[in-house]
């Protein structure tokens, strides 16, 4: 009886995890569908109103919609989903075509973005977005073990290279300017530990964007 109960609970947990992963993937797709549709209200409805960047994101998107031509999502790939209780992150690569009326043609933008999410009233909401290299570096700096850092790097191995070192040093300078010297020291140590192995390897920072 106990074995059957344990097996049943494990099945329920697995089903819940699958449902969460599907909901998060669906949110990423709806996020960029709303982004391309130019509907500010629908786009911001996917954000948590508690998000620190809520007003900044709303202002940015309002400005974008006032200047950009019609947009269309050409492709979207969810690279990974990571969950931790009521928090989650999803990395997305998306191609968006934007009409440029000045030259009567479309321009294609390739965005690589991590969306940080929180669960609110059983629904996932966006609380932050940004380029995956910054996301990775912040979590590597907070990692408590070599094994945890290894798992993080394995999940984003395409980012490893000279560009990641330069980004870590950039973040180090930002933290120093803000007077957050402990955080700056961790970032500097991280960048220093990579220099010997990674400075000859490169990835394309042009594929990284903070846009939407």
Protein backbone atom coordinates (compact mmCIF):
# COMPACT_ATOMS: atom_id res chain seq x y z
CA UNK A 1 0.00 0.00 0.00
CA UNK A 2 2.81 2.40 0.95
CA UNK A 3 4.65 1.56 -2.27
CA UNK A 4 1.50 2.28 -4.30
CA UNK A 5 0.98 5.60 -2.48
CA UNK A 6 4.60 6.64 -3.04
CA UNK A 7 4.39 5.73 -6.71
CA UNK A 8 1.16 7.71 -7.02
CA UNK A 9 2.69 10.79 -5.44
CA UNK A 10 5.73 10.54 -7.72
CA UNK A 11 3.44 10.36 -10.75
CA UNK A 12 1.53 13.44 -9.58
CA UNK A 13 4.77 15.39 -9.08
CA UNK A 14 5.98 14.39 -12.54
CA UNK A 15 2.66 15.44 -14.06
CA UNK A 16 2.82 18.80 -12.26
CA UNK A 17 6.38 19.34 -13.48
CA UNK A 18 5.37 18.55 -17.06
CA UNK A 19 2.41 20.92 -16.79
CA UNK A 20 4.67 23.70 -15.46
CA UNK A 21 7.20 23.18 -18.26
CA UNK A 22 4.42 23.35 -20.87
CA UNK A 23 2.94 26.49 -19.27
CA UNK A 24 6.36 28.18 -19.24
CA UNK A 25 7.04 27.29 -22.87
CA UNK A 26 3.58 28.54 -23.83
CA UNK A 27 4.24 31.80 -21.96
CA UNK A 28 7.46 32.37 -23.91
CA UNK A 29 5.57 31.91 -27.17
CA UNK A 30 2.74 34.22 -26.09
CA UNK A 31 5.26 36.79 -24.88
CA UNK A 32 6.84 37.16 -28.30
CA UNK A 33 3.53 36.85 -30.13
CA UNK A 34 2.28 39.84 -28.11
CA UNK A 35 5.64 41.59 -28.61
CA UNK A 36 5.33 41.30 -32.40
CA UNK A 37 1.62 42.15 -32.46
CA UNK A 38 2.32 45.60 -31.04
CA UNK A 39 -0.38 45.24 -28.38
CA UNK A 40 1.07 46.92 -25.29
CA UNK A 41 -1.79 45.91 -22.97
CA UNK A 42 -1.60 42.22 -23.89
CA UNK A 43 2.19 42.30 -23.70
CA UNK A 44 2.25 43.86 -20.22
CA UNK A 45 -0.49 41.49 -19.03
CA UNK A 46 2.17 38.77 -19.19
CA UNK A 47 4.34 40.72 -16.73
CA UNK A 48 4.02 40.67 -12.97
CA UNK A 49 3.00 44.10 -11.74
CA UNK A 50 5.40 43.46 -8.83
CA UNK A 51 8.37 43.18 -11.20
CA UNK A 52 11.11 45.77 -10.51
CA UNK A 53 11.34 46.52 -14.24
CA UNK A 54 7.60 46.63 -14.92
CA UNK A 55 7.33 50.38 -15.57
CA UNK A 56 10.65 50.50 -17.41
CA UNK A 57 9.57 47.65 -19.69
CA UNK A 58 6.22 49.33 -20.34
CA UNK A 59 7.92 52.61 -21.26
CA UNK A 60 10.47 50.87 -23.48
CA UNK A 61 7.83 48.91 -25.38
CA UNK A 62 5.57 51.96 -25.80
CA UNK A 63 8.50 53.79 -27.38
CA UNK A 64 9.33 50.82 -29.59
CA UNK A 65 5.76 50.53 -30.86
CA UNK A 66 5.63 54.24 -31.65
CA UNK A 67 8.67 53.96 -33.93
CA UNK A 68 8.82 50.40 -35.33
CA UNK A 69 6.91 49.14 -38.34
CA UNK A 70 4.82 45.95 -38.36
CA UNK A 71 6.59 42.97 -36.81
CA UNK A 72 6.28 39.20 -37.22
CA UNK A 73 7.83 36.27 -35.37
CA UNK A 74 9.65 34.14 -37.95
CA UNK A 75 10.93 31.47 -35.57
CA UNK A 76 11.12 30.80 -31.85
CA UNK A 77 13.10 28.11 -30.05
CA UNK A 78 12.95 27.41 -26.32
CA UNK A 79 16.48 26.31 -25.43
CA UNK A 80 15.82 25.36 -21.82
CA UNK A 81 13.44 25.72 -18.88
CA UNK A 82 14.62 25.76 -15.26
CA UNK A 83 12.31 25.77 -12.26
CA UNK A 84 12.85 26.27 -8.55
CA UNK A 85 9.55 26.21 -6.67
CA UNK A 86 7.53 29.28 -7.64
CA UNK A 87 10.41 30.78 -9.62
CA UNK A 88 11.55 29.78 -13.09
CA UNK A 89 13.69 30.88 -16.01
CA UNK A 90 13.39 30.15 -19.71
CA UNK A 91 15.99 30.81 -22.40
CA UNK A 92 14.61 31.68 -25.82
CA UNK A 93 16.09 32.30 -29.24
CA UNK A 94 13.69 34.23 -31.49
CA UNK A 95 13.83 35.76 -34.96
CA UNK A 96 11.60 38.79 -35.53
CA UNK A 97 11.09 40.52 -38.87
CA UNK A 98 10.41 44.27 -38.68
CA UNK A 99 9.18 46.27 -41.64
CA UNK A 100 11.45 49.19 -42.49
CA UNK A 101 9.39 51.63 -44.57
CA UNK A 102 12.40 53.84 -45.27
CA UNK A 103 13.90 51.21 -47.56
CA UNK A 104 10.71 49.24 -48.25
CA UNK A 105 12.01 45.96 -46.88
CA UNK A 106 12.04 43.82 -43.75
CA UNK A 107 14.90 43.66 -41.29
CA UNK A 108 15.48 40.44 -39.37
CA UNK A 109 16.48 40.66 -35.71
CA UNK A 110 17.82 37.63 -33.85
CA UNK A 111 17.35 37.83 -30.08
CA UNK A 112 18.72 35.53 -27.42
CA UNK A 113 16.97 36.24 -24.11
CA UNK A 114 16.37 34.74 -20.67
CA UNK A 115 12.99 35.45 -19.08
CA UNK A 116 12.80 35.15 -15.29
CA UNK A 117 9.34 34.19 -14.08
CA UNK A 118 7.33 33.91 -10.89
CA UNK A 119 4.15 31.98 -10.19
CA UNK A 120 1.26 34.22 -9.16
CA UNK A 121 -2.20 32.79 -8.49
CA UNK A 122 -1.21 29.60 -10.36
CA UNK A 123 -0.08 31.55 -13.43
CA UNK A 124 3.49 32.25 -14.54
CA UNK A 125 4.40 35.92 -14.98
CA UNK A 126 7.52 37.66 -16.28
CA UNK A 127 9.54 39.51 -13.64
CA UNK A 128 12.77 40.22 -15.55
CA UNK A 129 14.42 39.72 -18.91
CA UNK A 130 17.96 40.06 -20.18
CA UNK A 131 20.78 38.58 -22.22
CA UNK A 132 21.76 35.02 -21.32
CA UNK A 133 25.41 35.84 -20.67
CA UNK A 134 24.50 38.24 -17.85
CA UNK A 135 22.03 35.69 -16.46
CA UNK A 136 24.67 32.96 -16.51
CA UNK A 137 27.40 35.08 -14.92
CA UNK A 138 25.13 36.22 -12.08
CA UNK A 139 24.27 32.63 -11.22
CA UNK A 140 27.83 31.41 -11.53
CA UNK A 141 28.90 34.14 -9.09
CA UNK A 142 26.26 32.91 -6.62
CA UNK A 143 26.96 29.19 -7.11
CA UNK A 144 28.13 27.48 -3.94
CA UNK A 145 30.01 24.56 -5.46
CA UNK A 146 32.14 23.55 -8.40
CA UNK A 147 29.50 20.99 -9.36
CA UNK A 148 26.77 23.62 -9.48
CA UNK A 149 28.94 25.87 -11.67
CA UNK A 150 29.63 22.93 -13.94
CA UNK A 151 25.92 22.24 -14.41
CA UNK A 152 25.29 25.88 -15.25
CA UNK A 153 28.12 25.97 -17.81
CA UNK A 154 26.99 22.70 -19.38
CA UNK A 155 23.54 24.20 -19.95
CA UNK A 156 24.91 27.29 -21.71
CA UNK A 157 28.14 25.99 -23.21
CA UNK A 158 27.57 28.05 -26.38
CA UNK A 159 28.27 31.20 -24.35
CA UNK A 160 31.71 30.12 -23.14
CA UNK A 161 34.51 32.21 -24.54
CA UNK A 162 36.28 35.54 -24.47
CA UNK A 163 32.98 37.41 -24.63
CA UNK A 164 31.83 35.89 -21.35
CA UNK A 165 35.05 37.02 -19.65
CA UNK A 166 34.57 40.56 -20.98
CA UNK A 167 30.94 40.61 -19.85
CA UNK A 168 31.93 39.50 -16.33
CA UNK A 169 34.50 42.31 -16.15
CA UNK A 170 31.86 44.77 -17.36
CA UNK A 171 29.50 43.61 -14.60
CA UNK A 172 32.38 43.88 -12.11
CA UNK A 173 32.81 47.56 -13.04
CA UNK A 174 29.06 48.17 -12.73
CA UNK A 175 28.98 46.72 -9.21
CA UNK A 176 32.06 48.73 -8.22
CA UNK A 177 30.43 51.98 -9.39
CA UNK A 178 27.39 51.11 -7.29
CA UNK A 179 29.55 50.52 -4.21
CA UNK A 180 28.72 46.79 -4.12
CA UNK A 181 32.31 45.70 -3.57
CA UNK A 182 31.68 42.11 -2.40
CA UNK A 183 29.64 41.39 -5.53
CA UNK A 184 32.32 43.07 -7.66
CA UNK A 185 35.04 40.95 -6.07
CA UNK A 186 33.16 37.72 -6.83
CA UNK A 187 32.74 38.74 -10.47
CA UNK A 188 36.41 39.67 -10.77
CA UNK A 189 37.46 36.34 -9.28
CA UNK A 190 35.15 34.56 -11.70
CA UNK A 191 36.59 36.37 -14.73
CA UNK A 192 40.16 35.78 -13.53
CA UNK A 193 39.55 32.04 -13.17
CA UNK A 194 38.43 31.85 -16.81
CA UNK A 195 41.12 33.92 -18.49
CA UNK A 196 43.62 31.16 -19.17
CA UNK A 197 41.13 28.71 -20.69
CA UNK A 198 38.66 30.95 -22.45
CA UNK A 199 40.34 34.05 -23.83
CA UNK A 200 41.10 32.29 -27.12
CA UNK A 201 37.50 31.11 -27.56
CA UNK A 202 34.77 33.40 -28.81
CA UNK A 203 31.03 33.61 -29.23
CA UNK A 204 29.00 36.25 -30.99
CA UNK A 205 27.85 39.04 -28.65
CA UNK A 206 25.82 40.38 -31.57
CA UNK A 207 23.35 37.56 -31.00
CA UNK A 208 22.71 38.78 -27.48
CA UNK A 209 20.04 41.42 -26.95
CA UNK A 210 18.16 42.84 -24.00
CA UNK A 211 15.23 43.69 -26.21
CA UNK A 212 11.87 42.47 -24.96
